[in-house]
Amino acid sequence: TWLFIIQVSGLLLVCVLQFFNSMILGSLLISFNASVLIARTIQKNLKKGGLLNRLGKLILHVLLVLCLTLLINKFIKKILNLESDEHIFKFLKAKFGFGATRDFDANLYLCEEAFGLLPLNTFSRLSDTLLFYAYVFVLFLMTVTAVIVAFRNLSGSNQAQCMEKMEECTIILKPDAAYNLIHTVLFGCLALSTMRMKYLWTSHMCVFASFGLCSTEVWKLVLKCVRLHTTQRV
């Protein structure tokens, strides 16, 4: 909750410092954060029931957040009469083949190489610095761990057992690591779809890879997998 409130506060502060730039108020991030906070108050019992019950609630929660985001965003834009970012959505629709556009700004973006797909030689250049290998190694380990932890958290039936599992899972995969794992995957998708956005991904790759290589939790998992785990080795 604090994370969402801090993000909204940061955006509102930017809006004020940019001489009340109304375009920021119409951003999807503000609408998303607001919808998450609303959805959290509506759905409070996500951790009750069996695996299928919890999974169903989680899917419903995601759909609720996405629908609320679009509704709140549309409402804000209607109230403030905002159309300044419409060309971005037109560009995205045209880029992913959902219909052509005659909008000048959107077509200008489509002509720019920087807004095209990420070239494949990016991976070879990242491999030359050894960053890509370290990143893939850490990403693979963390993704597998996250899937196992998520499954165990969702399938917890007994309350006492659930709490015990939660504590164990928190040691295996800390919340800050899980948060950054989601971020790096999203940044990767963004960079692959739009080359210009790779500056977000490559900088995050450095942080994520260095975290993994310096993390005792990651090496503990590796040593456990090869049955060489001791405290001294970690």
Protein backbone atom coordinates (compact mmCIF):
# COMPACT_ATOMS: atom_id res chain seq x y z
CA THR A 1 0.00 0.00 0.00
CA TRP A 2 2.83 2.39 0.90
CA LEU A 3 4.53 1.62 -2.42
CA PHE A 4 1.44 2.64 -4.39
CA ILE A 5 0.89 5.76 -2.27
CA ILE A 6 4.55 6.81 -2.76
CA GLN A 7 4.23 6.37 -6.54
CA VAL A 8 1.05 8.47 -6.69
CA SER A 9 2.61 11.14 -4.44
CA GLY A 10 5.71 11.23 -6.67
CA LEU A 11 3.61 11.71 -9.82
CA LEU A 12 1.50 14.45 -8.20
CA LEU A 13 4.71 16.21 -7.12
CA VAL A 14 6.05 16.02 -10.70
CA CYS A 15 2.73 17.47 -11.92
CA VAL A 16 3.13 20.46 -9.55
CA LEU A 17 6.83 20.98 -10.41
CA GLN A 18 5.99 20.95 -14.12
CA PHE A 19 3.63 23.88 -13.57
CA PHE A 20 0.53 21.69 -13.15
CA ASN A 21 1.07 19.53 -16.23
CA SER A 22 -2.37 17.93 -16.63
CA MET A 23 -1.01 15.18 -18.93
CA ILE A 24 0.58 13.50 -15.87
CA LEU A 25 -2.82 13.33 -14.15
CA GLY A 26 -4.12 11.43 -17.19
CA SER A 27 -1.29 8.87 -17.08
CA LEU A 28 -2.13 5.18 -16.79
CA LEU A 29 0.16 4.81 -13.76
CA ILE A 30 -1.94 7.09 -11.55
CA SER A 31 -5.11 5.28 -12.66
CA PHE A 32 -3.45 1.90 -12.09
CA ASN A 33 -2.28 2.76 -8.56
CA ALA A 34 -5.73 4.11 -7.66
CA SER A 35 -7.45 0.98 -9.02
CA VAL A 36 -5.06 -1.31 -7.08
CA LEU A 37 -5.88 0.48 -3.82
CA ILE A 38 -9.63 0.21 -4.56
CA ALA A 39 -9.35 -3.48 -5.52
CA ARG A 40 -7.42 -4.21 -2.31
CA THR A 41 -10.27 -2.84 -0.19
CA ILE A 42 -12.91 -4.79 -2.19
CA GLN A 43 -11.06 -8.15 -2.22
CA LYS A 44 -9.54 -8.82 1.18
CA ASN A 45 -9.73 -12.64 1.38
CA LEU A 46 -7.41 -13.63 -1.50
CA LYS A 47 -5.47 -16.06 0.75
CA LYS A 48 -8.44 -18.24 1.72
CA GLY A 49 -9.48 -21.56 0.16
CA GLY A 50 -7.67 -24.17 -1.95
CA LEU A 51 -5.39 -23.78 -4.98
CA LEU A 52 -8.13 -23.40 -7.62
CA ASN A 53 -10.13 -21.06 -5.38
CA ARG A 54 -7.11 -18.82 -4.76
CA LEU A 55 -6.13 -18.90 -8.43
CA GLY A 56 -9.65 -17.90 -9.46
CA LYS A 57 -9.63 -15.01 -6.97
CA LEU A 58 -6.23 -13.88 -8.23
CA ILE A 59 -7.37 -13.86 -11.89
CA LEU A 60 -10.53 -11.98 -10.88
CA HIS A 61 -8.39 -9.50 -8.92
CA VAL A 62 -6.13 -8.85 -11.96
CA LEU A 63 -9.14 -8.35 -14.26
CA LEU A 64 -10.76 -6.02 -11.71
CA VAL A 65 -7.58 -3.91 -11.50
CA LEU A 66 -7.22 -3.68 -15.30
CA CYS A 67 -10.89 -2.75 -15.85
CA LEU A 68 -10.81 -0.16 -13.06
CA THR A 69 -7.58 1.31 -14.49
CA LEU A 70 -9.20 1.88 -17.89
CA LEU A 71 -12.41 3.28 -16.36
CA ILE A 72 -10.61 5.68 -13.99
CA ASN A 73 -8.25 6.80 -16.77
CA LYS A 74 -11.16 7.45 -19.14
CA PHE A 75 -13.01 9.35 -16.38
CA ILE A 76 -9.98 11.57 -15.56
CA LYS A 77 -9.40 12.35 -19.25
CA LYS A 78 -13.08 13.18 -19.73
CA ILE A 79 -13.13 15.51 -16.70
CA LEU A 80 -9.86 17.28 -17.62
CA ASN A 81 -10.52 17.11 -21.38
CA LEU A 82 -7.13 15.46 -22.09
CA GLU A 83 -6.16 14.26 -25.57
CA SER A 84 -2.42 15.03 -25.52
CA ASP A 85 -1.29 11.36 -25.34
CA GLU A 86 -3.81 9.90 -27.82
CA HIS A 87 -1.13 9.67 -30.54
CA ILE A 88 0.81 7.18 -28.34
CA PHE A 89 -2.12 4.74 -28.26
CA LYS A 90 -2.66 5.22 -32.01
CA PHE A 91 1.04 4.47 -32.57
CA LEU A 92 0.85 1.29 -30.44
CA LYS A 93 -2.29 0.09 -32.25
CA ALA A 94 -0.64 0.62 -35.66
CA LYS A 95 2.69 -0.90 -34.52
CA PHE A 96 1.10 -4.16 -33.35
CA GLY A 97 -1.16 -4.43 -36.40
CA PHE A 98 -4.53 -3.41 -34.91
CA GLY A 99 -5.29 -1.00 -37.74
CA ALA A 100 -3.57 1.77 -39.69
CA THR A 101 -3.60 5.39 -38.56
CA ARG A 102 -3.48 8.75 -40.36
CA ASP A 103 -2.28 10.57 -37.22
CA PHE A 104 0.90 12.55 -38.07
CA ASP A 105 2.68 12.03 -34.71
CA ALA A 106 1.91 8.30 -34.64
CA ASN A 107 3.21 7.85 -38.22
CA LEU A 108 6.34 9.83 -37.33
CA TYR A 109 7.06 7.34 -34.54
CA LEU A 110 6.46 4.42 -36.92
CA CYS A 111 9.07 5.81 -39.33
CA GLU A 112 11.71 6.15 -36.60
CA GLU A 113 14.12 3.20 -36.27
CA ALA A 114 14.36 3.82 -32.50
CA PHE A 115 10.69 2.85 -32.12
CA GLY A 116 11.14 -0.43 -33.99
CA LEU A 117 11.86 -3.89 -32.60
CA LEU A 118 15.10 -4.54 -30.69
CA PRO A 119 17.84 -5.70 -33.14
CA LEU A 120 19.28 -9.17 -32.47
CA ASN A 121 22.89 -7.90 -32.45
CA THR A 122 22.07 -6.24 -29.08
CA PHE A 123 22.32 -9.67 -27.43
CA SER A 124 25.73 -10.41 -28.99
CA ARG A 125 27.03 -7.01 -27.82
CA LEU A 126 25.70 -7.65 -24.31
CA SER A 127 27.30 -11.12 -24.39
CA ASP A 128 30.71 -9.61 -25.26
CA THR A 129 30.70 -7.81 -21.91
CA LEU A 130 29.59 -11.07 -20.15
CA LEU A 131 26.59 -9.20 -18.74
CA PHE A 132 24.02 -11.23 -20.68
CA TYR A 133 25.32 -14.60 -19.40
CA ALA A 134 25.27 -13.46 -15.76
CA TYR A 135 21.81 -11.92 -16.25
CA VAL A 136 20.30 -15.05 -17.85
CA PHE A 137 21.81 -17.25 -15.11
CA VAL A 138 20.27 -15.13 -12.32
CA LEU A 139 17.00 -14.63 -14.20
CA PHE A 140 16.55 -18.39 -14.75
CA LEU A 141 17.21 -19.23 -11.09
CA MET A 142 14.96 -16.46 -9.78
CA THR A 143 12.11 -17.29 -12.20
CA VAL A 144 12.12 -21.00 -11.26
CA THR A 145 12.19 -20.05 -7.56
CA ALA A 146 9.37 -17.53 -8.01
CA VAL A 147 7.15 -20.11 -9.76
CA ILE A 148 7.74 -22.68 -6.99
CA VAL A 149 7.15 -20.09 -4.23
CA ALA A 150 3.99 -18.75 -5.92
CA PHE A 151 2.61 -22.30 -6.31
CA ARG A 152 3.35 -23.14 -2.66
CA ASN A 153 1.78 -19.88 -1.43
CA LEU A 154 -1.34 -20.45 -3.52
CA SER A 155 -1.78 -24.10 -2.54
CA GLY A 156 -1.47 -23.57 1.26
CA SER A 157 -4.50 -25.10 2.98
CA ASN A 158 -3.84 -25.21 6.71
CA GLN A 159 -3.35 -21.75 8.29
CA ALA A 160 -0.42 -22.84 10.50
CA GLN A 161 1.22 -24.71 7.62
CA CYS A 162 0.59 -21.71 5.36
CA MET A 163 2.33 -19.33 7.79
CA GLU A 164 5.28 -21.71 8.11
CA LYS A 165 5.56 -22.01 4.32
CA MET A 166 5.25 -18.25 3.91
CA GLU A 167 8.15 -17.66 6.33
CA GLU A 168 10.27 -20.27 4.53
CA CYS A 169 9.38 -18.83 1.10
CA THR A 170 10.22 -15.29 2.25
CA ILE A 171 13.73 -16.51 3.14
CA ILE A 172 14.06 -18.22 -0.27
CA LEU A 173 12.64 -15.33 -2.29
CA LYS A 174 12.56 -11.95 -0.57
CA PRO A 175 9.82 -9.47 -1.60
CA ASP A 176 12.35 -6.94 -2.96
CA ALA A 177 13.88 -9.64 -5.19
CA ALA A 178 10.43 -10.72 -6.45
CA TYR A 179 9.53 -7.08 -7.16
CA ASN A 180 12.70 -6.55 -9.22
CA LEU A 181 12.21 -9.87 -11.02
CA ILE A 182 8.80 -8.67 -12.27
CA HIS A 183 10.33 -5.31 -13.21
CA THR A 184 13.18 -6.82 -15.23
CA VAL A 185 10.78 -9.08 -17.18
CA LEU A 186 8.50 -6.12 -17.99
CA PHE A 187 11.47 -3.92 -18.95
CA GLY A 188 12.70 -6.77 -21.20
CA CYS A 189 9.33 -6.99 -22.97
CA LEU A 190 9.30 -3.20 -23.37
CA ALA A 191 12.83 -3.18 -24.84
CA LEU A 192 12.07 -6.07 -27.24
CA SER A 193 8.98 -4.29 -28.57
CA THR A 194 10.50 -0.78 -28.71
CA MET A 195 14.27 -0.42 -29.16
CA ARG A 196 14.35 3.07 -27.62
CA MET A 197 13.24 1.62 -24.27
CA LYS A 198 16.31 -0.62 -23.93
CA TYR A 199 17.96 2.04 -21.73
CA LEU A 200 15.55 0.96 -18.96
CA TRP A 201 16.29 -2.74 -19.45
CA THR A 202 20.10 -2.64 -19.83
CA SER A 203 20.59 -0.55 -16.68
CA HIS A 204 18.25 -2.86 -14.77
CA MET A 205 20.11 -5.89 -16.15
CA CYS A 206 23.30 -4.62 -14.48
CA VAL A 207 21.54 -4.17 -11.13
CA PHE A 208 19.70 -7.50 -11.33
CA ALA A 209 22.74 -9.54 -12.41
CA SER A 210 24.98 -7.99 -9.74
CA PHE A 211 22.33 -8.62 -7.08
CA GLY A 212 22.17 -12.30 -8.07
CA LEU A 213 25.93 -12.81 -8.17
CA CYS A 214 26.33 -11.18 -4.73
CA SER A 215 23.29 -12.84 -3.13
CA THR A 216 23.78 -15.57 -0.54
CA GLU A 217 20.22 -16.81 -1.22
CA VAL A 218 21.01 -17.46 -4.90
CA TRP A 219 24.23 -19.36 -4.11
CA LYS A 220 22.44 -21.30 -1.37
CA LEU A 221 19.93 -22.50 -3.99
CA VAL A 222 22.71 -23.43 -6.45
CA LEU A 223 24.66 -25.39 -3.81
CA LYS A 224 21.48 -27.15 -2.65
CA CYS A 225 20.74 -28.20 -6.24
CA VAL A 226 24.21 -29.82 -6.62
CA ARG A 227 24.06 -31.19 -3.03
CA LEU A 228 27.10 -29.22 -1.83
CA HIS A 229 25.31 -26.87 0.56
CA THR A 230 27.11 -25.84 3.76
CA THR A 231 27.13 -22.52 5.61
CA GLN A 232 30.89 -22.10 5.02
CA ARG A 233 30.54 -22.58 1.24
CA VAL A 234 27.70 -20.05 1.03
